[in-house]
Amino acid sequence: MSNAISATAIKALREKTGAGMMECKAALTEAAGSEEKAIDILRKRGQATAAKKSGRITAEGLVDAYIHAGGKIGVLVEVNCESDFVARTDDFRGFVHDLAMHIAASEPRYVIKEEVPAEVLDKEREIASDQARQDPKNANKPQQVLDKIVEGRLNKFYQEVVLMEQPFVKDQNMTVGQLVTAMTGKTGENVKVRRFVRFKMGEGLEKRSADLSAEVQELLGN
């Protein structure tokens, strides 16, 4: 039966799964030429994910969009994985869309802690330190205790502005970082949130305060 499997079918399966040529041929043979069944066979064998090596480049993935509040808020997010096969699965697409929805709701500013600029972190540490010293409850506490209070407030800051540290909107018992880790385990591939952008209608623009009718009258010289 193996002679009935064409090179074209093997090549097509390999492109979809990232598995080796021989693995694809064997899977197609076992599946009597059915590509769909062959994909299931490869997934069960763990061969559908191309060589799982630590640090492998995640060059595949998906860009997804989420629009909320009648077009007032929009999000674009790019999430990477290792193979196009995983990127096209319903699980991965749903995962990425959930991330876009989360970003719309939670307003993160950075993907990971390391992206927070040093000057921003220094400013937050300064504010937290001043607040700790000015709190009457901390009047007689040693410096090491104050330092722990400051670090605690910085961790709270991270949870507010860093995507991977935020509690996931659909399950507050896990962080987005833990959600990504779970997807990595589920797919057997490295999964990384690369970047995102969040738009809010009118954000950064000054609102018009002048009364329109008064402006018209002024232009008419009245």
C-alpha atoms as a PDB file:
ATOM      1  CA  MET A   1       0.000   0.000   0.000  1.00  0.00           C
ATOM      2  CA  SER A   2       2.968   2.290   0.588  1.00  0.00           C
ATOM      3  CA  ASN A   3       3.568   2.451  -3.174  1.00  0.00           C
ATOM      4  CA  ALA A   4       0.158   4.118  -3.566  1.00  0.00           C
ATOM      5  CA  ILE A   5       1.249   7.128  -1.470  1.00  0.00           C
ATOM      6  CA  SER A   6       2.400   9.887  -3.797  1.00  0.00           C
ATOM      7  CA  ALA A   7       5.320  12.203  -3.189  1.00  0.00           C
ATOM      8  CA  THR A   8       2.908  15.129  -3.559  1.00  0.00           C
ATOM      9  CA  ALA A   9       0.733  13.855  -0.699  1.00  0.00           C
ATOM     10  CA  ILE A  10       3.772  13.313   1.524  1.00  0.00           C
ATOM     11  CA  LYS A  11       5.085  16.803   0.771  1.00  0.00           C
ATOM     12  CA  ALA A  12       1.691  18.381   1.502  1.00  0.00           C
ATOM     13  CA  LEU A  13       1.421  16.569   4.843  1.00  0.00           C
ATOM     14  CA  ARG A  14       4.955  17.542   5.780  1.00  0.00           C
ATOM     15  CA  GLU A  15       4.232  21.219   5.071  1.00  0.00           C
ATOM     16  CA  LYS A  16       1.135  21.097   7.262  1.00  0.00           C
ATOM     17  CA  THR A  17       2.651  19.237  10.207  1.00  0.00           C
ATOM     18  CA  GLY A  18       6.408  19.832  10.178  1.00  0.00           C
ATOM     19  CA  ALA A  19       6.968  16.059  10.602  1.00  0.00           C
ATOM     20  CA  GLY A  20       9.723  14.251   8.698  1.00  0.00           C
ATOM     21  CA  MET A  21       9.224  12.773   5.232  1.00  0.00           C
ATOM     22  CA  MET A  22       9.405   9.174   6.461  1.00  0.00           C
ATOM     23  CA  GLU A  23       7.020   9.866   9.343  1.00  0.00           C
ATOM     24  CA  CYS A  24       4.553  11.459   6.914  1.00  0.00           C
ATOM     25  CA  LYS A  25       4.791   8.526   4.507  1.00  0.00           C
ATOM     26  CA  ALA A  26       4.255   6.020   7.326  1.00  0.00           C
ATOM     27  CA  ALA A  27       1.275   7.977   8.675  1.00  0.00           C
ATOM     28  CA  LEU A  28      -0.339   8.232   5.235  1.00  0.00           C
ATOM     29  CA  THR A  29       0.241   4.529   4.682  1.00  0.00           C
ATOM     30  CA  GLU A  30      -1.382   3.658   7.999  1.00  0.00           C
ATOM     31  CA  ALA A  31      -4.252   6.037   7.204  1.00  0.00           C
ATOM     32  CA  ALA A  32      -4.777   4.473   3.772  1.00  0.00           C
ATOM     33  CA  GLY A  33      -3.987   7.791   2.101  1.00  0.00           C
ATOM     34  CA  SER A  34      -6.319   9.953   4.188  1.00  0.00           C
ATOM     35  CA  GLU A  35      -4.537  13.211   5.056  1.00  0.00           C
ATOM     36  CA  GLU A  36      -6.931  14.004   7.907  1.00  0.00           C
ATOM     37  CA  LYS A  37      -6.379  10.630   9.568  1.00  0.00           C
ATOM     38  CA  ALA A  38      -2.633  10.897   8.960  1.00  0.00           C
ATOM     39  CA  ILE A  39      -2.551  14.228  10.793  1.00  0.00           C
ATOM     40  CA  ASP A  40      -4.335  12.632  13.751  1.00  0.00           C
ATOM     41  CA  ILE A  41      -1.813   9.796  13.759  1.00  0.00           C
ATOM     42  CA  LEU A  42       1.117  12.198  13.740  1.00  0.00           C
ATOM     43  CA  ARG A  43      -0.371  14.283  16.542  1.00  0.00           C
ATOM     44  CA  LYS A  44      -0.883  11.214  18.688  1.00  0.00           C
ATOM     45  CA  ARG A  45       2.707  10.174  18.100  1.00  0.00           C
ATOM     46  CA  GLY A  46       3.980  13.632  18.963  1.00  0.00           C
ATOM     47  CA  GLN A  47       5.631  13.935  15.566  1.00  0.00           C
ATOM     48  CA  ALA A  48       3.511  16.781  14.256  1.00  0.00           C
ATOM     49  CA  THR A  49       5.575  19.359  16.110  1.00  0.00           C
ATOM     50  CA  ALA A  50       8.912  19.858  14.429  1.00  0.00           C
ATOM     51  CA  ALA A  51      11.985  19.005  16.553  1.00  0.00           C
ATOM     52  CA  LYS A  52      11.338  20.431  19.988  1.00  0.00           C
ATOM     53  CA  LYS A  53      14.633  22.084  20.866  1.00  0.00           C
ATOM     54  CA  SER A  54      15.100  24.642  23.580  1.00  0.00           C
ATOM     55  CA  GLY A  55      15.449  28.118  22.135  1.00  0.00           C
ATOM     56  CA  ARG A  56      14.079  27.213  18.743  1.00  0.00           C
ATOM     57  CA  ILE A  57      12.912  30.240  16.765  1.00  0.00           C
ATOM     58  CA  THR A  58       9.158  30.724  16.820  1.00  0.00           C
ATOM     59  CA  ALA A  59       8.698  32.058  13.304  1.00  0.00           C
ATOM     60  CA  GLU A  60       5.103  30.955  12.769  1.00  0.00           C
ATOM     61  CA  GLY A  61       1.965  32.081  14.530  1.00  0.00           C
ATOM     62  CA  LEU A  62      -0.979  34.370  14.192  1.00  0.00           C
ATOM     63  CA  VAL A  63      -1.987  38.032  14.256  1.00  0.00           C
ATOM     64  CA  ASP A  64      -5.480  38.526  15.606  1.00  0.00           C
ATOM     65  CA  ALA A  65      -7.767  41.523  16.081  1.00  0.00           C
ATOM     66  CA  TYR A  66     -10.418  42.236  18.685  1.00  0.00           C
ATOM     67  CA  ILE A  67     -12.851  45.153  18.543  1.00  0.00           C
ATOM     68  CA  HIS A  68     -14.877  46.128  21.603  1.00  0.00           C
ATOM     69  CA  ALA A  69     -17.392  48.691  22.839  1.00  0.00           C
ATOM     70  CA  GLY A  70     -18.946  49.458  19.479  1.00  0.00           C
ATOM     71  CA  GLY A  71     -15.632  50.217  17.820  1.00  0.00           C
ATOM     72  CA  LYS A  72     -14.260  52.340  20.665  1.00  0.00           C
ATOM     73  CA  ILE A  73     -11.455  49.929  21.598  1.00  0.00           C
ATOM     74  CA  GLY A  74      -9.362  47.789  19.250  1.00  0.00           C
ATOM     75  CA  VAL A  75      -6.466  45.394  19.744  1.00  0.00           C
ATOM     76  CA  LEU A  76      -3.941  43.739  17.439  1.00  0.00           C
ATOM     77  CA  VAL A  77      -1.767  41.002  18.935  1.00  0.00           C
ATOM     78  CA  GLU A  78       0.927  38.768  17.452  1.00  0.00           C
ATOM     79  CA  VAL A  79       1.511  35.374  19.061  1.00  0.00           C
ATOM     80  CA  ASN A  80       4.238  33.090  17.744  1.00  0.00           C
ATOM     81  CA  CYS A  81       4.643  29.322  17.712  1.00  0.00           C
ATOM     82  CA  GLU A  82       6.946  26.900  15.905  1.00  0.00           C
ATOM     83  CA  SER A  83       4.810  25.528  13.085  1.00  0.00           C
ATOM     84  CA  ASP A  84       2.047  26.663  10.781  1.00  0.00           C
ATOM     85  CA  PHE A  85       0.279  23.413  11.654  1.00  0.00           C
ATOM     86  CA  VAL A  86      -0.246  24.547  15.267  1.00  0.00           C
ATOM     87  CA  ALA A  87      -0.968  28.138  14.223  1.00  0.00           C
ATOM     88  CA  ARG A  88      -3.953  26.989  12.182  1.00  0.00           C
ATOM     89  CA  THR A  89      -5.566  24.850  14.895  1.00  0.00           C
ATOM     90  CA  ASP A  90      -8.800  26.003  16.517  1.00  0.00           C
ATOM     91  CA  ASP A  91      -7.202  25.777  19.964  1.00  0.00           C
ATOM     92  CA  PHE A  92      -4.395  28.154  19.046  1.00  0.00           C
ATOM     93  CA  ARG A  93      -6.697  30.600  17.265  1.00  0.00           C
ATOM     94  CA  GLY A  94      -9.070  30.658  20.217  1.00  0.00           C
ATOM     95  CA  PHE A  95      -6.129  31.172  22.576  1.00  0.00           C
ATOM     96  CA  VAL A  96      -4.836  34.159  20.585  1.00  0.00           C
ATOM     97  CA  HIS A  97      -8.305  35.703  20.375  1.00  0.00           C
ATOM     98  CA  ASP A  98      -8.711  35.345  24.138  1.00  0.00           C
ATOM     99  CA  LEU A  99      -5.405  37.193  24.583  1.00  0.00           C
ATOM    100  CA  ALA A 100      -6.611  40.017  22.330  1.00  0.00           C
ATOM    101  CA  MET A 101      -9.813  40.266  24.362  1.00  0.00           C
ATOM    102  CA  HIS A 102      -7.806  40.304  27.587  1.00  0.00           C
ATOM    103  CA  ILE A 103      -5.620  43.143  26.307  1.00  0.00           C
ATOM    104  CA  ALA A 104      -8.712  45.164  25.401  1.00  0.00           C
ATOM    105  CA  ALA A 105     -10.103  44.712  28.918  1.00  0.00           C
ATOM    106  CA  SER A 106      -6.938  44.966  31.046  1.00  0.00           C
ATOM    107  CA  GLU A 107      -4.891  47.663  29.246  1.00  0.00           C
ATOM    108  CA  PRO A 108      -1.376  46.233  29.652  1.00  0.00           C
ATOM    109  CA  ARG A 109       1.502  48.426  28.495  1.00  0.00           C
ATOM    110  CA  TYR A 110       4.255  45.837  28.147  1.00  0.00           C
ATOM    111  CA  VAL A 111       4.473  42.131  27.285  1.00  0.00           C
ATOM    112  CA  ILE A 112       7.078  41.111  29.901  1.00  0.00           C
ATOM    113  CA  LYS A 113       8.791  42.709  32.899  1.00  0.00           C
ATOM    114  CA  GLU A 114      12.015  43.187  30.966  1.00  0.00           C
ATOM    115  CA  GLU A 115      10.259  45.611  28.609  1.00  0.00           C
ATOM    116  CA  VAL A 116       9.491  48.108  31.376  1.00  0.00           C
ATOM    117  CA  PRO A 117      11.941  51.024  30.871  1.00  0.00           C
ATOM    118  CA  ALA A 118      14.410  51.557  33.706  1.00  0.00           C
ATOM    119  CA  GLU A 119      13.266  55.151  34.186  1.00  0.00           C
ATOM    120  CA  VAL A 120       9.651  54.033  34.587  1.00  0.00           C
ATOM    121  CA  LEU A 121      10.637  51.409  37.144  1.00  0.00           C
ATOM    122  CA  ASP A 122      12.849  53.871  39.030  1.00  0.00           C
ATOM    123  CA  LYS A 123       9.976  56.350  39.216  1.00  0.00           C
ATOM    124  CA  GLU A 124       7.571  53.703  40.528  1.00  0.00           C
ATOM    125  CA  ARG A 125      10.149  52.585  43.105  1.00  0.00           C
ATOM    126  CA  GLU A 126      10.636  56.175  44.227  1.00  0.00           C
ATOM    127  CA  ILE A 127       6.889  56.707  44.619  1.00  0.00           C
ATOM    128  CA  ALA A 128       6.469  53.417  46.489  1.00  0.00           C
ATOM    129  CA  SER A 129       9.387  54.259  48.771  1.00  0.00           C
ATOM    130  CA  ASP A 130       7.981  57.715  49.607  1.00  0.00           C
ATOM    131  CA  GLN A 131       4.559  56.233  50.333  1.00  0.00           C
ATOM    132  CA  ALA A 132       6.065  53.590  52.613  1.00  0.00           C
ATOM    133  CA  ARG A 133       8.075  56.135  54.592  1.00  0.00           C
ATOM    134  CA  GLN A 134       5.138  58.533  54.964  1.00  0.00           C
ATOM    135  CA  ASP A 135       2.764  55.843  56.206  1.00  0.00           C
ATOM    136  CA  PRO A 136       2.478  56.258  60.049  1.00  0.00           C
ATOM    137  CA  LYS A 137       2.182  52.479  60.395  1.00  0.00           C
ATOM    138  CA  ASN A 138       5.753  52.128  59.113  1.00  0.00           C
ATOM    139  CA  ALA A 139       7.315  54.741  61.409  1.00  0.00           C
ATOM    140  CA  ASN A 140       9.382  52.324  63.509  1.00  0.00           C
ATOM    141  CA  LYS A 141       9.971  49.607  60.932  1.00  0.00           C
ATOM    142  CA  PRO A 142      13.562  48.790  59.857  1.00  0.00           C
ATOM    143  CA  GLN A 143      14.774  49.547  56.342  1.00  0.00           C
ATOM    144  CA  GLN A 144      14.692  45.911  55.221  1.00  0.00           C
ATOM    145  CA  VAL A 145      10.987  45.778  56.057  1.00  0.00           C
ATOM    146  CA  LEU A 146      10.384  48.984  54.100  1.00  0.00           C
ATOM    147  CA  ASP A 147      12.305  47.493  51.174  1.00  0.00           C
ATOM    148  CA  LYS A 148       9.987  44.470  51.172  1.00  0.00           C
ATOM    149  CA  ILE A 149       6.966  46.773  51.193  1.00  0.00           C
ATOM    150  CA  VAL A 150       8.385  48.642  48.190  1.00  0.00           C
ATOM    151  CA  GLU A 151       9.051  45.398  46.311  1.00  0.00           C
ATOM    152  CA  GLY A 152       5.504  44.279  47.053  1.00  0.00           C
ATOM    153  CA  ARG A 153       4.145  47.473  45.542  1.00  0.00           C
ATOM    154  CA  LEU A 154       6.379  47.051  42.508  1.00  0.00           C
ATOM    155  CA  ASN A 155       5.001  43.544  42.014  1.00  0.00           C
ATOM    156  CA  LYS A 156       1.513  45.040  42.105  1.00  0.00           C
ATOM    157  CA  PHE A 157       2.629  47.573  39.495  1.00  0.00           C
ATOM    158  CA  TYR A 158       3.836  44.729  37.274  1.00  0.00           C
ATOM    159  CA  GLN A 159       0.459  43.012  37.647  1.00  0.00           C
ATOM    160  CA  GLU A 160      -1.239  46.180  36.481  1.00  0.00           C
ATOM    161  CA  VAL A 161       0.872  46.993  33.405  1.00  0.00           C
ATOM    162  CA  VAL A 162       2.703  43.822  32.285  1.00  0.00           C
ATOM    163  CA  LEU A 163       0.635  41.412  30.187  1.00  0.00           C
ATOM    164  CA  MET A 164       2.317  38.214  31.353  1.00  0.00           C
ATOM    165  CA  GLU A 165       1.869  39.185  35.022  1.00  0.00           C
ATOM    166  CA  GLN A 166      -1.811  40.130  34.815  1.00  0.00           C
ATOM    167  CA  PRO A 167      -4.565  37.817  36.085  1.00  0.00           C
ATOM    168  CA  PHE A 168      -6.328  36.390  33.024  1.00  0.00           C
ATOM    169  CA  VAL A 169      -9.744  38.017  32.593  1.00  0.00           C
ATOM    170  CA  LYS A 170     -11.512  34.695  31.978  1.00  0.00           C
ATOM    171  CA  ASP A 171      -9.865  32.969  34.946  1.00  0.00           C
ATOM    172  CA  GLN A 172      -8.547  35.223  37.705  1.00  0.00           C
ATOM    173  CA  ASN A 173      -6.835  32.239  39.367  1.00  0.00           C
ATOM    174  CA  MET A 174      -4.152  32.157  36.680  1.00  0.00           C
ATOM    175  CA  THR A 175      -1.913  34.763  35.085  1.00  0.00           C
ATOM    176  CA  VAL A 176      -1.552  35.310  31.356  1.00  0.00           C
ATOM    177  CA  GLY A 177       1.968  33.921  31.702  1.00  0.00           C
ATOM    178  CA  GLN A 178       0.565  30.704  33.147  1.00  0.00           C
ATOM    179  CA  LEU A 179      -1.972  30.593  30.321  1.00  0.00           C
ATOM    180  CA  VAL A 180       0.850  30.814  27.772  1.00  0.00           C
ATOM    181  CA  THR A 181       2.764  28.079  29.597  1.00  0.00           C
ATOM    182  CA  ALA A 182      -0.322  25.859  29.494  1.00  0.00           C
ATOM    183  CA  MET A 183      -0.643  26.396  25.728  1.00  0.00           C
ATOM    184  CA  THR A 184       3.037  25.553  25.303  1.00  0.00           C
ATOM    185  CA  GLY A 185       2.464  22.278  27.104  1.00  0.00           C
ATOM    186  CA  LYS A 186      -0.689  21.543  25.138  1.00  0.00           C
ATOM    187  CA  THR A 187       0.886  22.124  21.715  1.00  0.00           C
ATOM    188  CA  GLY A 188       4.364  20.820  22.485  1.00  0.00           C
ATOM    189  CA  GLU A 189       5.802  23.971  20.902  1.00  0.00           C
ATOM    190  CA  ASN A 190       7.275  27.191  22.173  1.00  0.00           C
ATOM    191  CA  VAL A 191       4.495  29.774  22.324  1.00  0.00           C
ATOM    192  CA  LYS A 192       5.360  33.440  22.786  1.00  0.00           C
ATOM    193  CA  VAL A 193       3.428  36.690  22.781  1.00  0.00           C
ATOM    194  CA  ARG A 194       5.623  38.874  20.611  1.00  0.00           C
ATOM    195  CA  ARG A 195       3.839  42.218  20.592  1.00  0.00           C
ATOM    196  CA  PHE A 196       0.506  43.973  20.754  1.00  0.00           C
ATOM    197  CA  VAL A 197      -1.033  47.379  20.212  1.00  0.00           C
ATOM    198  CA  ARG A 198      -4.197  48.674  21.853  1.00  0.00           C
ATOM    199  CA  PHE A 199      -6.225  51.530  20.407  1.00  0.00           C
ATOM    200  CA  LYS A 200      -8.823  53.552  22.267  1.00  0.00           C
ATOM    201  CA  MET A 201     -10.924  56.062  20.371  1.00  0.00           C
ATOM    202  CA  GLY A 202      -9.784  59.614  21.093  1.00  0.00           C
ATOM    203  CA  GLU A 203      -6.949  58.552  23.385  1.00  0.00           C
ATOM    204  CA  GLY A 204      -4.312  61.277  23.583  1.00  0.00           C
ATOM    205  CA  LEU A 205      -6.478  63.882  21.871  1.00  0.00           C
ATOM    206  CA  GLU A 206      -7.832  66.999  23.531  1.00  0.00           C
ATOM    207  CA  LYS A 207     -11.582  67.013  23.716  1.00  0.00           C
ATOM    208  CA  ARG A 208     -13.301  69.954  22.074  1.00  0.00           C
ATOM    209  CA  SER A 209     -14.603  72.214  24.796  1.00  0.00           C
ATOM    210  CA  ALA A 210     -15.844  75.079  22.648  1.00  0.00           C
ATOM    211  CA  ASP A 211     -19.565  75.189  21.981  1.00  0.00           C
ATOM    212  CA  LEU A 212     -20.116  74.522  18.274  1.00  0.00           C
ATOM    213  CA  SER A 213     -22.918  77.059  17.842  1.00  0.00           C
ATOM    214  CA  ALA A 214     -20.847  79.769  19.564  1.00  0.00           C
ATOM    215  CA  GLU A 215     -17.939  78.987  17.223  1.00  0.00           C
ATOM    216  CA  VAL A 216     -20.201  79.309  14.187  1.00  0.00           C
ATOM    217  CA  GLN A 217     -21.536  82.657  15.430  1.00  0.00           C
ATOM    218  CA  GLU A 218     -18.002  83.898  15.945  1.00  0.00           C
ATOM    219  CA  LEU A 219     -17.026  82.942  12.403  1.00  0.00           C
ATOM    220  CA  LEU A 220     -20.082  84.818  11.086  1.00  0.00           C
ATOM    221  CA  GLY A 221     -19.018  87.905  13.015  1.00  0.00           C
ATOM    222  CA  ASN A 222     -22.052  87.900  15.306  1.00  0.00           C
END
